[in-house]
N, C-alpha and C. Protein backbone atom coordinates (compact mmCIF):
# COMPACT_ATOMS: atom_id res chain seq x y z
N MET A 1 1.25 -0.95 0.24
CA MET A 1 0.05 0.08 0.13
C MET A 1 1.30 1.61 0.01
N ILE A 2 0.56 2.21 -0.25
CA ILE A 2 1.42 3.47 -0.37
C ILE A 2 0.24 4.65 0.72
N LEU A 3 0.90 5.09 1.00
CA LEU A 3 0.76 6.23 2.16
C LEU A 3 0.73 7.15 1.53
N GLY A 4 0.76 8.39 1.90
CA GLY A 4 0.84 9.38 1.66
C GLY A 4 0.77 10.78 2.70
N TYR A 5 2.23 11.72 2.33
CA TYR A 5 2.01 12.38 4.26
C TYR A 5 2.20 14.01 3.73
N ALA A 6 1.31 14.13 3.91
CA ALA A 6 1.45 15.52 4.03
C ALA A 6 2.04 16.90 4.73
N ARG A 7 1.81 17.71 4.57
CA ARG A 7 2.31 18.79 5.72
C ARG A 7 2.81 20.34 5.29
N VAL A 8 1.76 21.77 6.40
CA VAL A 8 1.86 22.79 6.13
C VAL A 8 2.64 22.23 6.96
N SER A 9 2.68 24.32 7.28
CA SER A 9 4.13 24.31 8.94
C SER A 9 2.16 25.57 9.93
N LYS A 10 1.68 26.72 8.73
CA LYS A 10 0.71 27.26 8.99
C LYS A 10 -1.18 26.88 9.19
N ASP A 11 -1.96 27.23 9.66
CA ASP A 11 -3.17 27.14 9.17
C ASP A 11 -3.15 28.06 8.28
N ASP A 12 -2.66 29.37 7.33
CA ASP A 12 -2.99 29.45 6.72
C ASP A 12 -2.97 29.22 5.56
N GLN A 13 -2.19 27.88 5.58
CA GLN A 13 -1.17 27.41 4.25
C GLN A 13 -2.09 26.62 4.07
N ASN A 14 -2.48 25.81 2.82
CA ASN A 14 -2.86 24.13 1.91
C ASN A 14 -2.67 23.98 1.69
N LEU A 15 -3.17 22.58 1.73
CA LEU A 15 -2.82 20.98 2.12
C LEU A 15 -2.51 21.02 1.00
N ASP A 16 -4.23 20.66 -0.10
CA ASP A 16 -3.99 20.91 -1.83
C ASP A 16 -3.02 20.55 -2.66
N ALA A 17 -2.41 21.14 -3.35
CA ALA A 17 -1.42 20.23 -3.59
C ALA A 17 -0.16 18.90 -3.21
N GLN A 18 0.15 19.08 -2.81
CA GLN A 18 0.70 18.53 -2.18
C GLN A 18 -0.64 16.54 -2.05
N THR A 19 -1.99 16.78 -1.31
CA THR A 19 -3.08 15.83 -1.03
C THR A 19 -3.00 15.63 -2.44
N ASP A 20 -3.16 16.21 -3.83
CA ASP A 20 -3.01 15.68 -4.52
C ASP A 20 -2.16 15.22 -6.02
N ALA A 21 -1.20 15.99 -5.43
CA ALA A 21 0.53 15.47 -5.85
C ALA A 21 0.15 13.76 -5.25
N LEU A 22 -0.84 13.43 -4.46
CA LEU A 22 0.13 12.12 -3.53
C LEU A 22 -1.12 11.09 -4.45
N THR A 23 -2.24 12.35 -4.45
CA THR A 23 -3.51 11.59 -4.78
C THR A 23 -2.78 10.83 -6.59
N ASP A 24 -2.32 11.88 -6.55
CA ASP A 24 -2.29 10.63 -8.95
C ASP A 24 -0.81 9.98 -8.35
N ALA A 25 0.32 9.70 -8.12
CA ALA A 25 0.77 9.03 -7.59
C ALA A 25 0.75 8.18 -6.87
N GLY A 26 -0.81 7.43 -6.10
CA GLY A 26 -0.74 6.70 -5.90
C GLY A 26 -1.05 5.67 -4.57
N ALA A 27 -1.45 7.10 -3.74
CA ALA A 27 -1.82 6.69 -2.69
C ALA A 27 -3.16 6.44 -1.98
N GLU A 28 -3.30 5.45 -1.40
CA GLU A 28 -4.05 4.78 -1.02
C GLU A 28 -4.95 5.63 0.21
N ARG A 29 -3.91 5.84 1.28
CA ARG A 29 -4.32 6.77 2.43
C ARG A 29 -3.37 7.99 1.95
N ILE A 30 -3.85 8.74 2.83
CA ILE A 30 -3.30 10.61 3.15
C ILE A 30 -2.97 10.56 4.61
N TYR A 31 -1.76 11.00 4.94
CA TYR A 31 -2.43 11.41 6.20
C TYR A 31 -1.22 12.83 6.30
N ALA A 32 -1.86 14.20 6.73
CA ALA A 32 -1.79 14.56 6.85
C ALA A 32 -1.40 16.83 8.20
N ASP A 33 -0.71 16.86 8.34
CA ASP A 33 -0.33 18.31 9.23
C ASP A 33 -0.22 18.97 9.52
N THR A 34 -0.57 20.23 9.99
CA THR A 34 -0.80 21.46 9.96
C THR A 34 0.26 22.30 11.43
N ILE A 35 1.42 21.44 10.63
CA ILE A 35 2.44 22.06 12.99
C ILE A 35 3.93 22.18 11.78
N THR A 36 4.30 22.61 12.89
CA THR A 36 6.00 23.36 12.00
C THR A 36 6.90 22.00 12.22
N GLY A 37 7.26 22.28 10.90
CA GLY A 37 8.31 20.56 10.89
C GLY A 37 9.36 20.65 11.87
N THR A 38 9.88 22.07 12.74
CA THR A 38 10.82 21.65 13.76
C THR A 38 9.93 20.85 14.96
N ALA A 39 8.66 21.05 15.13
CA ALA A 39 7.36 20.30 16.72
C ALA A 39 8.39 18.32 16.21
N ARG A 40 8.39 18.17 17.58
CA ARG A 40 9.05 17.13 17.80
C ARG A 40 8.27 15.86 17.44
N LYS A 41 6.37 16.66 17.89
CA LYS A 41 4.96 15.98 17.32
C LYS A 41 4.62 16.17 16.61
N ARG A 42 4.11 15.33 16.05
CA ARG A 42 3.20 15.66 14.86
C ARG A 42 2.21 14.44 13.99
N PRO A 43 0.88 14.28 15.14
CA PRO A 43 -0.53 13.58 14.86
C PRO A 43 -0.15 12.36 14.10
N GLU A 44 -0.92 13.42 13.16
CA GLU A 44 -0.59 12.50 11.69
C GLU A 44 0.76 11.44 11.36
N LEU A 45 1.89 11.66 11.19
CA LEU A 45 2.94 11.40 10.87
C LEU A 45 2.95 10.48 11.95
N ASP A 46 3.24 10.13 13.79
CA ASP A 46 2.90 8.88 14.16
C ASP A 46 1.62 8.18 13.67
N ARG A 47 0.17 8.20 13.86
CA ARG A 47 -0.68 8.05 12.77
C ARG A 47 -0.47 6.93 11.76
N MET A 48 0.69 7.59 10.52
CA MET A 48 1.06 6.72 9.91
C MET A 48 1.87 6.45 10.42
N LEU A 49 2.59 5.95 10.98
CA LEU A 49 3.62 5.58 10.89
C LEU A 49 3.04 4.09 12.39
N ASP A 50 2.23 4.41 12.83
CA ASP A 50 2.13 3.61 13.69
C ASP A 50 0.88 2.49 12.06
N GLN A 51 0.81 2.71 11.79
CA GLN A 51 -0.02 1.99 9.98
C GLN A 51 0.71 1.11 9.79
N LEU A 52 1.72 1.63 9.10
CA LEU A 52 2.56 1.27 8.86
C LEU A 52 3.03 -0.27 8.39
N ARG A 53 2.77 -1.37 7.37
CA ARG A 53 3.39 -3.01 7.66
C ARG A 53 4.29 -2.48 6.71
N GLU A 54 4.71 -4.00 6.41
CA GLU A 54 6.07 -4.49 5.67
C GLU A 54 5.62 -4.44 4.31
N GLY A 55 5.90 -3.26 3.61
CA GLY A 55 6.20 -3.80 1.81
C GLY A 55 5.01 -2.65 1.78
N ASP A 56 4.79 -2.07 2.42
CA ASP A 56 4.39 -0.19 2.72
C ASP A 56 5.41 0.61 1.89
N VAL A 57 4.41 1.94 1.49
CA VAL A 57 5.22 2.80 1.09
C VAL A 57 4.96 4.16 1.08
N ILE A 58 6.39 4.69 1.34
CA ILE A 58 5.34 5.88 1.79
C ILE A 58 6.40 6.99 0.96
N ALA A 59 4.58 7.58 0.73
CA ALA A 59 5.03 8.82 -0.68
C ALA A 59 5.36 10.46 0.04
N VAL A 60 5.98 10.94 -0.29
CA VAL A 60 5.78 12.31 0.11
C VAL A 60 6.59 13.29 -1.60
N THR A 61 5.47 14.65 -0.92
CA THR A 61 6.03 15.81 -2.40
C THR A 61 7.70 16.35 -2.21
N LYS A 62 7.65 16.79 -0.87
CA LYS A 62 9.26 17.04 -1.02
C LYS A 62 9.68 16.10 1.03
N TYR A 63 11.30 15.91 0.32
CA TYR A 63 11.27 16.29 1.41
C TYR A 63 11.82 16.06 3.20
N ASP A 64 11.68 17.55 2.51
CA ASP A 64 11.28 18.42 4.16
C ASP A 64 9.97 18.24 4.64
N ARG A 65 8.86 17.37 3.72
CA ARG A 65 7.66 17.43 4.22
C ARG A 65 7.69 16.66 5.68
N LEU A 66 8.52 15.48 5.64
CA LEU A 66 8.61 14.86 6.27
C LEU A 66 9.53 14.96 6.88
N ALA A 67 10.70 15.43 6.95
CA ALA A 67 11.77 15.66 8.08
C ALA A 67 12.98 16.81 7.75
N ARG A 68 13.26 17.61 8.66
CA ARG A 68 14.36 18.74 8.54
C ARG A 68 15.37 18.43 7.81
N SER A 69 16.06 17.31 9.12
CA SER A 69 17.61 16.95 9.61
C SER A 69 17.64 15.74 9.38
């Protein structure tokens, strides 16, 4: 299964471009956070990682959406 993860840093930013790209890439489930990348706790990222199973693929539109360093 392809799992997608999208993130924006601020409430006034839009996730649509990321979620559209993830859908186009075949993501069957998309998890999205509106939280700064420096935050230690990202609820949807944690939820996605809990759902991750052997053979699954994580898709992001840019690496910095997933991790800062």
